[in-house]
C-alpha atoms as a PDB file:
ATOM      1  CA  MET A   1    -106.814 111.941   1.033  1.00  0.00           C
ATOM      2  CA  GLN A   2    -105.151 113.719   3.680  1.00  0.00           C
ATOM      3  CA  THR A   3    -102.643 115.454   1.565  1.00  0.00           C
ATOM      4  CA  ALA A   4    -105.573 116.608  -0.328  1.00  0.00           C
ATOM      5  CA  ASN A   5    -107.052 118.117   2.707  1.00  0.00           C
ATOM      6  CA  ARG A   6    -103.879 119.514   3.957  1.00  0.00           C
ATOM      7  CA  SER A   7    -103.369 121.417   0.105  1.00  0.00           C
ATOM      8  CA  ARG A   8    -106.931 123.024   0.892  1.00  0.00           C
ATOM      9  CA  ARG A   9    -106.252 123.977   4.417  1.00  0.00           C
ATOM     10  CA  ALA A  10    -102.602 125.584   3.254  1.00  0.00           C
ATOM     11  CA  LEU A  11    -104.730 126.865   0.181  1.00  0.00           C
ATOM     12  CA  LEU A  12    -107.459 128.447   2.361  1.00  0.00           C
ATOM     13  CA  ALA A  13    -104.690 130.148   4.680  1.00  0.00           C
ATOM     14  CA  VAL A  14    -103.028 131.662   2.005  1.00  0.00           C
ATOM     15  CA  LEU A  15    -106.597 133.206   0.639  1.00  0.00           C
ATOM     16  CA  GLY A  16    -107.526 134.288   4.127  1.00  0.00           C
ATOM     17  CA  GLY A  17    -104.109 136.092   4.706  1.00  0.00           C
ATOM     18  CA  ALA A  18    -104.339 137.682   1.204  1.00  0.00           C
ATOM     19  CA  ALA A  19    -108.347 138.674   2.010  1.00  0.00           C
ATOM     20  CA  LEU A  20    -107.047 140.088   5.248  1.00  0.00           C
ATOM     21  CA  ALA A  21    -104.310 142.061   3.952  1.00  0.00           C
ATOM     22  CA  ILE A  22    -106.756 143.537   0.992  1.00  0.00           C
ATOM     23  CA  THR A  23    -109.226 144.471   3.920  1.00  0.00           C
ATOM     24  CA  ARG A  24    -106.246 146.081   5.961  1.00  0.00           C
ATOM     25  CA  SER A  25    -104.990 148.067   2.942  1.00  0.00           C
ATOM     26  CA  ALA A  26    -108.473 149.364   1.649  1.00  0.00           C
ATOM     27  CA  ARG A  27    -109.281 150.585   5.565  1.00  0.00           C
ATOM     28  CA  ALA A  28    -105.543 152.142   5.499  1.00  0.00           C
ATOM     29  CA  GLN A  29    -106.268 154.333   2.664  1.00  0.00           C
ATOM     30  CA  PRO A  30    -108.320 157.687   2.668  1.00  0.00           C
ATOM     31  CA  ALA A  31    -111.441 157.956   1.826  1.00  0.00           C
ATOM     32  CA  LEU A  32    -110.711 160.600  -0.805  1.00  0.00           C
ATOM     33  CA  GLN A  33    -107.062 160.608  -2.105  1.00  0.00           C
ATOM     34  CA  PRO A  34    -105.429 164.056  -2.966  1.00  0.00           C
ATOM     35  CA  TRP A  35    -104.919 164.581  -6.567  1.00  0.00           C
ATOM     36  CA  SER A  36    -101.484 164.344  -7.742  1.00  0.00           C
ATOM     37  CA  GLY A  37    -101.864 164.697 -11.753  1.00  0.00           C
ATOM     38  CA  PRO A  38    -102.141 167.983 -13.436  1.00  0.00           C
ATOM     39  CA  PRO A  39    -104.705 170.442 -11.937  1.00  0.00           C
ATOM     40  CA  ALA A  40    -106.672 171.325 -14.975  1.00  0.00           C
ATOM     41  CA  ALA A  41    -109.606 168.978 -15.373  1.00  0.00           C
ATOM     42  CA  PRO A  42    -109.471 167.206 -18.651  1.00  0.00           C
ATOM     43  CA  PRO A  43    -112.173 168.298 -21.376  1.00  0.00           C
ATOM     44  CA  LEU A  44    -115.869 166.895 -20.640  1.00  0.00           C
ATOM     45  CA  GLU A  45    -118.502 167.753 -22.911  1.00  0.00           C
ATOM     46  CA  LEU A  46    -121.457 165.175 -23.320  1.00  0.00           C
ATOM     47  CA  ARG A  47    -124.960 164.817 -24.132  1.00  0.00           C
ATOM     48  CA  THR A  48    -127.771 164.314 -21.225  1.00  0.00           C
ATOM     49  CA  LEU A  49    -130.401 161.525 -21.884  1.00  0.00           C
ATOM     50  CA  ASP A  50    -132.449 164.234 -23.342  1.00  0.00           C
ATOM     51  CA  GLY A  51    -129.797 164.731 -25.727  1.00  0.00           C
ATOM     52  CA  GLN A  52    -128.886 168.305 -24.386  1.00  0.00           C
ATOM     53  CA  PRO A  53    -125.202 169.206 -24.429  1.00  0.00           C
ATOM     54  CA  LEU A  54    -123.576 169.625 -20.976  1.00  0.00           C
ATOM     55  CA  ALA A  55    -120.238 170.410 -20.408  1.00  0.00           C
ATOM     56  CA  LEU A  56    -118.123 170.510 -17.099  1.00  0.00           C
ATOM     57  CA  ALA A  57    -117.057 174.205 -17.941  1.00  0.00           C
ATOM     58  CA  ASP A  58    -120.904 174.960 -17.697  1.00  0.00           C
ATOM     59  CA  LEU A  59    -120.659 174.185 -14.022  1.00  0.00           C
ATOM     60  CA  ARG A  60    -118.083 176.372 -13.341  1.00  0.00           C
ATOM     61  CA  GLY A  61    -118.095 178.110  -9.870  1.00  0.00           C
ATOM     62  CA  ARG A  62    -119.329 174.853  -8.061  1.00  0.00           C
ATOM     63  CA  VAL A  63    -117.689 171.990  -6.776  1.00  0.00           C
ATOM     64  CA  VAL A  64    -118.522 169.116  -8.941  1.00  0.00           C
ATOM     65  CA  LEU A  65    -118.216 165.347  -8.368  1.00  0.00           C
ATOM     66  CA  VAL A  66    -117.407 163.483 -11.802  1.00  0.00           C
ATOM     67  CA  ASN A  67    -118.738 160.215 -11.207  1.00  0.00           C
ATOM     68  CA  PHE A  68    -118.023 157.536 -13.703  1.00  0.00           C
ATOM     69  CA  TRP A  69    -120.335 154.766 -13.334  1.00  0.00           C
ATOM     70  CA  ALA A  70    -122.509 151.790 -15.078  1.00  0.00           C
ATOM     71  CA  THR A  71    -125.411 150.300 -14.935  1.00  0.00           C
ATOM     72  CA  TRP A  72    -123.906 146.905 -14.394  1.00  0.00           C
ATOM     73  CA  CYS A  73    -121.831 147.891 -11.818  1.00  0.00           C
ATOM     74  CA  GLU A  74    -123.008 146.919  -8.354  1.00  0.00           C
ATOM     75  CA  PRO A  75    -120.763 149.448  -6.249  1.00  0.00           C
ATOM     76  CA  CYS A  76    -121.674 152.388  -8.638  1.00  0.00           C
ATOM     77  CA  ILE A  77    -125.411 151.555  -7.807  1.00  0.00           C
ATOM     78  CA  GLU A  78    -124.922 151.431  -3.993  1.00  0.00           C
ATOM     79  CA  GLU A  79    -123.076 154.727  -4.117  1.00  0.00           C
ATOM     80  CA  MET A  80    -125.266 156.553  -6.052  1.00  0.00           C
ATOM     81  CA  PRO A  81    -127.731 157.454  -3.639  1.00  0.00           C
ATOM     82  CA  SER A  82    -125.020 158.884  -1.152  1.00  0.00           C
ATOM     83  CA  LEU A  83    -123.937 161.070  -4.096  1.00  0.00           C
ATOM     84  CA  LYS A  84    -127.573 162.392  -4.456  1.00  0.00           C
ATOM     85  CA  ARG A  85    -127.554 163.109  -0.824  1.00  0.00           C
ATOM     86  CA  LEU A  86    -124.316 164.770  -0.319  1.00  0.00           C
ATOM     87  CA  ARG A  87    -125.519 167.084  -3.539  1.00  0.00           C
ATOM     88  CA  ASP A  88    -129.022 167.677  -1.513  1.00  0.00           C
ATOM     89  CA  ARG A  89    -127.328 168.483   1.751  1.00  0.00           C
ATOM     90  CA  LEU A  90    -124.754 170.910   0.109  1.00  0.00           C
ATOM     91  CA  GLY A  91    -127.051 172.647  -2.380  1.00  0.00           C
ATOM     92  CA  ALA A  92    -126.936 171.841  -6.297  1.00  0.00           C
ATOM     93  CA  ALA A  93    -126.422 175.754  -6.672  1.00  0.00           C
ATOM     94  CA  ARG A  94    -122.664 175.272  -4.813  1.00  0.00           C
ATOM     95  CA  CYS A  95    -122.068 171.471  -5.435  1.00  0.00           C
ATOM     96  CA  GLU A  96    -123.252 169.225  -8.378  1.00  0.00           C
ATOM     97  CA  VAL A  97    -122.862 165.764  -9.063  1.00  0.00           C
ATOM     98  CA  LEU A  98    -122.222 164.558 -12.679  1.00  0.00           C
ATOM     99  CA  ALA A  99    -123.015 160.940 -13.373  1.00  0.00           C
ATOM    100  CA  VAL A 100    -121.122 160.029 -16.355  1.00  0.00           C
ATOM    101  CA  ASN A 101    -122.387 156.628 -17.779  1.00  0.00           C
ATOM    102  CA  TYR A 102    -119.907 154.436 -19.412  1.00  0.00           C
ATOM    103  CA  GLN A 103    -121.006 152.954 -22.940  1.00  0.00           C
ATOM    104  CA  GLU A 104    -124.650 152.169 -22.122  1.00  0.00           C
ATOM    105  CA  GLY A 105    -127.401 153.245 -24.309  1.00  0.00           C
ATOM    106  CA  GLU A 106    -130.135 155.413 -23.441  1.00  0.00           C
ATOM    107  CA  PRO A 107    -133.063 152.698 -22.994  1.00  0.00           C
ATOM    108  CA  ARG A 108    -130.670 150.681 -20.611  1.00  0.00           C
ATOM    109  CA  ILE A 109    -129.824 153.910 -18.492  1.00  0.00           C
ATOM    110  CA  ARG A 110    -133.686 154.871 -18.552  1.00  0.00           C
ATOM    111  CA  ALA A 111    -134.928 151.226 -17.421  1.00  0.00           C
ATOM    112  CA  PHE A 112    -132.249 151.430 -14.488  1.00  0.00           C
ATOM    113  CA  LEU A 113    -133.740 155.085 -13.730  1.00  0.00           C
ATOM    114  CA  GLN A 114    -136.977 153.613 -13.255  1.00  0.00           C
ATOM    115  CA  LYS A 115    -135.847 151.000 -10.775  1.00  0.00           C
ATOM    116  CA  VAL A 116    -133.246 153.599  -8.743  1.00  0.00           C
ATOM    117  CA  PRO A 117    -134.711 157.196  -9.505  1.00  0.00           C
ATOM    118  CA  LEU A 118    -131.914 159.668  -9.497  1.00  0.00           C
ATOM    119  CA  ASP A 119    -132.145 163.378  -9.846  1.00  0.00           C
ATOM    120  CA  LEU A 120    -128.781 164.183 -11.007  1.00  0.00           C
ATOM    121  CA  PRO A 121    -127.380 165.330 -14.501  1.00  0.00           C
ATOM    122  CA  ILE A 122    -126.660 162.020 -16.151  1.00  0.00           C
ATOM    123  CA  VAL A 123    -124.289 162.295 -19.374  1.00  0.00           C
ATOM    124  CA  ARG A 124    -123.566 159.725 -21.815  1.00  0.00           C
ATOM    125  CA  ASP A 125    -119.633 158.588 -22.712  1.00  0.00           C
ATOM    126  CA  THR A 126    -120.914 156.364 -25.563  1.00  0.00           C
ATOM    127  CA  ASP A 127    -117.799 155.566 -26.830  1.00  0.00           C
ATOM    128  CA  GLY A 128    -115.654 155.418 -23.679  1.00  0.00           C
ATOM    129  CA  GLY A 129    -113.648 158.559 -25.066  1.00  0.00           C
ATOM    130  CA  VAL A 130    -114.245 160.751 -22.018  1.00  0.00           C
ATOM    131  CA  ALA A 131    -113.051 158.011 -19.463  1.00  0.00           C
ATOM    132  CA  ARG A 132    -110.079 156.938 -21.424  1.00  0.00           C
ATOM    133  CA  ALA A 133    -109.052 161.272 -21.537  1.00  0.00           C
ATOM    134  CA  TRP A 134    -109.587 160.944 -17.763  1.00  0.00           C
ATOM    135  CA  LYS A 135    -107.896 157.762 -17.110  1.00  0.00           C
ATOM    136  CA  VAL A 136    -110.424 155.982 -15.916  1.00  0.00           C
ATOM    137  CA  ARG A 137    -109.945 152.152 -15.485  1.00  0.00           C
ATOM    138  CA  ILE A 138    -112.352 151.394 -12.448  1.00  0.00           C
ATOM    139  CA  PHE A 139    -115.534 151.592 -11.888  1.00  0.00           C
ATOM    140  CA  PRO A 140    -116.938 153.661  -9.976  1.00  0.00           C
ATOM    141  CA  THR A 141    -114.215 156.318  -9.871  1.00  0.00           C
ATOM    142  CA  THR A 142    -115.351 159.905  -9.005  1.00  0.00           C
ATOM    143  CA  PHE A 143    -113.097 163.137  -9.418  1.00  0.00           C
ATOM    144  CA  VAL A 144    -113.648 165.941  -7.209  1.00  0.00           C
ATOM    145  CA  VAL A 145    -113.078 169.279  -8.921  1.00  0.00           C
ATOM    146  CA  ASP A 146    -113.295 172.683  -7.203  1.00  0.00           C
ATOM    147  CA  ALA A 147    -115.147 175.717  -8.264  1.00  0.00           C
ATOM    148  CA  ASP A 148    -112.069 176.746 -10.599  1.00  0.00           C
ATOM    149  CA  GLN A 149    -112.271 173.663 -12.266  1.00  0.00           C
ATOM    150  CA  SER A 150    -108.943 172.068 -10.784  1.00  0.00           C
ATOM    151  CA  ILE A 151    -109.191 168.665  -9.652  1.00  0.00           C
ATOM    152  CA  ARG A 152    -108.651 168.234  -6.048  1.00  0.00           C
ATOM    153  CA  TYR A 153    -109.319 164.570  -5.076  1.00  0.00           C
ATOM    154  CA  LEU A 154    -109.802 161.485  -6.385  1.00  0.00           C
ATOM    155  CA  ARG A 155    -111.853 158.258  -5.459  1.00  0.00           C
ATOM    156  CA  THR A 156    -111.501 154.807  -6.889  1.00  0.00           C
ATOM    157  CA  GLY A 157    -114.362 152.392  -5.716  1.00  0.00           C
ATOM    158  CA  SER A 158    -117.331 153.023  -3.839  1.00  0.00           C
ATOM    159  CA  LEU A 159    -117.916 155.384  -0.892  1.00  0.00           C
ATOM    160  CA  ASP A 160    -120.417 156.678   1.393  1.00  0.00           C
ATOM    161  CA  TRP A 161    -120.038 160.472   0.407  1.00  0.00           C
ATOM    162  CA  THR A 162    -122.201 161.686   3.741  1.00  0.00           C
ATOM    163  CA  GLU A 163    -119.438 160.027   5.920  1.00  0.00           C
ATOM    164  CA  PRO A 164    -118.784 163.210   8.083  1.00  0.00           C
ATOM    165  CA  ALA A 165    -115.014 163.288   7.312  1.00  0.00           C
ATOM    166  CA  VAL A 166    -115.451 163.088   3.447  1.00  0.00           C
ATOM    167  CA  GLU A 167    -118.392 165.825   3.598  1.00  0.00           C
ATOM    168  CA  HIS A 168    -116.179 168.008   5.756  1.00  0.00           C
ATOM    169  CA  ARG A 169    -113.453 167.926   2.783  1.00  0.00           C
ATOM    170  CA  ILE A 170    -116.248 168.461   0.429  1.00  0.00           C
ATOM    171  CA  ARG A 171    -117.456 171.653   2.287  1.00  0.00           C
ATOM    172  CA  ALA A 172    -114.196 173.184   2.343  1.00  0.00           C
ATOM    173  CA  LEU A 173    -113.982 173.655  -0.976  1.00  0.00           C
ATOM    174  CA  LEU A 174    -117.530 174.989  -1.629  1.00  0.00           C
ATOM    175  CA  PRO A 175    -117.543 178.466  -3.100  1.00  0.00           C
ATOM    176  CA  ARG A 176    -118.370 181.114  -0.356  1.00  0.00           C
END
Protein backbone atom coordinates (compact mmCIF):
# COMPACT_ATOMS: atom_id res chain seq x y z
CA MET A 1 0.00 0.00 0.00
CA GLN A 2 2.82 2.42 0.85
CA THR A 3 4.51 1.64 -2.47
CA ALA A 4 1.26 2.43 -4.32
CA ASN A 5 0.92 5.73 -2.42
CA ARG A 6 4.52 6.67 -3.23
CA SER A 7 3.93 5.83 -6.88
CA ARG A 8 0.79 7.98 -6.94
CA ARG A 9 2.60 10.90 -5.25
CA ALA A 10 5.48 10.59 -7.73
CA LEU A 11 3.05 10.54 -10.67
CA LEU A 12 1.17 13.57 -9.30
CA ALA A 13 4.45 15.44 -8.86
CA VAL A 14 5.43 14.72 -12.46
CA LEU A 15 1.99 15.72 -13.77
CA GLY A 16 1.93 18.85 -11.63
CA GLY A 17 5.35 19.87 -12.93
CA ALA A 18 4.25 19.27 -16.51
CA ALA A 19 1.10 21.35 -16.01
CA LEU A 20 3.16 24.18 -14.51
CA ALA A 21 5.60 24.06 -17.44
CA ILE A 22 2.74 24.18 -19.96
CA THR A 23 1.15 27.13 -18.13
CA ARG A 24 4.46 29.04 -18.03
CA SER A 25 5.06 28.28 -21.71
CA ALA A 26 1.59 29.58 -22.67
CA ARG A 27 2.20 32.79 -20.71
CA ALA A 28 5.62 33.27 -22.29
CA GLN A 29 4.24 33.11 -25.84
CA PRO A 30 3.09 36.39 -27.36
CA ALA A 31 -0.65 36.78 -27.77
CA LEU A 32 -0.14 37.33 -31.48
CA GLN A 33 2.74 35.59 -33.18
CA PRO A 34 4.25 37.44 -36.13
CA TRP A 35 3.57 35.47 -39.31
CA SER A 36 6.65 33.80 -40.73
CA GLY A 37 5.13 32.03 -43.74
CA PRO A 38 4.48 33.37 -47.23
CA PRO A 39 2.91 36.81 -46.90
CA ALA A 40 0.03 36.32 -49.34
CA ALA A 41 -3.05 34.81 -47.77
CA PRO A 42 -4.18 31.54 -49.38
CA PRO A 43 -7.37 31.75 -51.41
CA LEU A 44 -10.55 31.68 -49.38
CA GLU A 45 -13.83 31.50 -51.24
CA LEU A 46 -16.76 29.95 -49.39
CA ARG A 47 -20.51 30.34 -48.98
CA THR A 48 -22.33 32.03 -46.13
CA LEU A 49 -25.15 30.33 -44.24
CA ASP A 50 -27.53 31.98 -46.70
CA GLY A 51 -25.66 30.44 -49.64
CA GLN A 52 -24.07 33.68 -50.81
CA PRO A 53 -20.45 33.49 -52.02
CA LEU A 54 -17.93 35.37 -49.91
CA ALA A 55 -14.22 35.57 -50.63
CA LEU A 56 -11.41 37.04 -48.60
CA ALA A 57 -10.58 39.12 -51.68
CA ASP A 58 -14.01 40.80 -51.31
CA LEU A 59 -12.73 42.29 -48.04
CA ARG A 60 -9.57 43.87 -49.50
CA GLY A 61 -8.95 47.28 -47.95
CA ARG A 62 -9.88 46.09 -44.44
CA VAL A 63 -7.98 44.22 -41.77
CA VAL A 64 -9.56 40.76 -41.61
CA LEU A 65 -9.35 38.29 -38.76
CA VAL A 66 -9.86 34.89 -40.40
CA ASN A 67 -11.07 32.73 -37.52
CA PHE A 68 -11.34 28.94 -37.93
CA TRP A 69 -13.84 27.53 -35.44
CA ALA A 70 -16.46 24.86 -34.74
CA THR A 71 -19.57 24.71 -32.55
CA TRP A 72 -18.12 21.77 -30.57
CA CYS A 73 -14.97 23.74 -29.68
CA GLU A 74 -15.35 25.30 -26.20
CA PRO A 75 -12.41 27.73 -26.59
CA CYS A 76 -13.88 28.86 -29.93
CA ILE A 77 -17.21 29.61 -28.28
CA GLU A 78 -15.53 31.50 -25.44
CA GLU A 79 -13.52 33.74 -27.75
CA MET A 80 -16.26 34.59 -30.28
CA PRO A 81 -17.80 37.45 -28.26
CA SER A 82 -14.40 39.16 -27.92
CA LEU A 83 -13.88 38.91 -31.70
CA LYS A 84 -17.22 40.62 -32.20
CA ARG A 85 -16.42 43.32 -29.62
CA LEU A 86 -13.09 44.04 -31.33
CA ARG A 87 -14.77 44.33 -34.72
CA ASP A 88 -17.44 46.61 -33.24
CA ARG A 89 -14.82 48.83 -31.56
CA LEU A 90 -12.74 49.18 -34.71
CA GLY A 91 -15.65 49.44 -37.13
CA ALA A 92 -16.64 46.83 -39.70
CA ALA A 93 -15.68 49.20 -42.52
CA ARG A 94 -12.04 48.99 -41.38
CA CYS A 95 -11.86 45.61 -39.64
CA GLU A 96 -13.86 42.45 -40.25
CA VAL A 97 -13.97 39.03 -38.65
CA LEU A 98 -14.53 36.18 -41.08
CA ALA A 99 -15.69 33.17 -39.05
CA VAL A 100 -14.83 30.00 -41.00
CA ASN A 101 -16.83 27.09 -39.62
CA TYR A 102 -15.12 23.74 -39.95
CA GLN A 103 -17.17 20.98 -41.58
CA GLU A 104 -20.51 21.46 -39.85
CA GLY A 105 -23.94 21.54 -41.40
CA GLU A 106 -26.09 24.62 -41.64
CA PRO A 107 -28.74 23.36 -39.14
CA ARG A 108 -26.09 22.80 -36.45
CA ILE A 109 -24.56 26.25 -37.00
CA ARG A 110 -27.97 27.94 -36.95
CA ALA A 111 -28.90 26.14 -33.72
CA PHE A 112 -25.62 27.37 -32.21
CA LEU A 113 -26.39 30.94 -33.32
CA GLN A 114 -29.74 30.75 -31.53
CA LYS A 115 -27.82 30.25 -28.28
CA VAL A 116 -24.86 32.51 -29.07
CA PRO A 117 -26.04 35.30 -31.39
CA LEU A 118 -23.16 36.66 -33.47
CA ASP A 119 -23.31 39.43 -35.99
CA LEU A 120 -20.26 38.23 -37.93
CA PRO A 121 -19.94 36.87 -41.44
CA ILE A 122 -19.93 33.09 -41.10
CA VAL A 123 -18.83 30.89 -43.97
CA ARG A 124 -18.79 27.10 -44.16
CA ASP A 125 -15.69 25.06 -44.94
CA THR A 126 -17.80 21.99 -45.69
CA ASP A 127 -14.99 19.65 -46.72
CA GLY A 128 -12.13 21.12 -44.67
CA GLY A 129 -10.23 22.12 -47.81
CA VAL A 130 -9.76 25.74 -46.77
CA ALA A 131 -8.53 24.74 -43.31
CA ARG A 132 -6.02 22.41 -44.98
CA ALA A 133 -4.88 25.15 -47.38
CA TRP A 134 -4.34 27.49 -44.42
CA LYS A 135 -2.62 24.63 -42.48
CA VAL A 136 -5.04 24.83 -39.55
CA ARG A 137 -4.61 21.99 -37.08
CA ILE A 138 -5.97 23.45 -33.84
CA PHE A 139 -9.24 25.25 -33.12
CA PRO A 140 -9.57 28.10 -32.78
CA THR A 141 -6.88 29.42 -35.08
CA THR A 142 -7.00 33.03 -36.22
CA PHE A 143 -4.97 34.75 -38.91
CA VAL A 144 -4.71 38.55 -38.97
CA VAL A 145 -4.68 39.68 -42.60
CA ASP A 146 -3.84 43.30 -43.40
CA ALA A 147 -5.68 45.56 -45.84
CA ASP A 148 -3.39 44.40 -48.68
CA GLN A 149 -4.29 40.73 -48.04
CA SER A 150 -0.97 39.79 -46.41
CA ILE A 151 -0.98 37.64 -43.29
CA ARG A 152 0.65 39.58 -40.47
CA TYR A 153 -0.13 37.60 -37.30
CA LEU A 154 -1.25 34.16 -36.18
CA ARG A 155 -3.03 33.10 -33.03
CA THR A 156 -3.45 29.42 -32.23
CA GLY A 157 -5.89 28.93 -29.36
CA SER A 158 -8.40 31.28 -27.85
CA LEU A 159 -7.68 34.88 -26.91
CA ASP A 160 -9.44 37.90 -25.50
CA TRP A 161 -9.14 40.04 -28.62
CA THR A 162 -9.97 43.20 -26.68
CA GLU A 163 -6.85 43.00 -24.48
CA PRO A 164 -5.15 46.41 -24.89
CA ALA A 165 -1.89 45.04 -26.34
CA VAL A 166 -3.76 42.88 -28.86
CA GLU A 167 -6.15 45.65 -29.86
CA HIS A 168 -3.19 48.04 -30.25
CA ARG A 169 -1.49 45.66 -32.73
CA ILE A 170 -4.67 45.33 -34.78
CA ARG A 171 -5.28 49.10 -34.74
CA ALA A 172 -1.75 49.66 -36.09
CA LEU A 173 -2.74 47.69 -39.22
CA LEU A 174 -5.97 49.58 -39.92
CA PRO A 175 -6.12 51.58 -43.13
CA ARG A 176 -6.02 55.34 -42.56
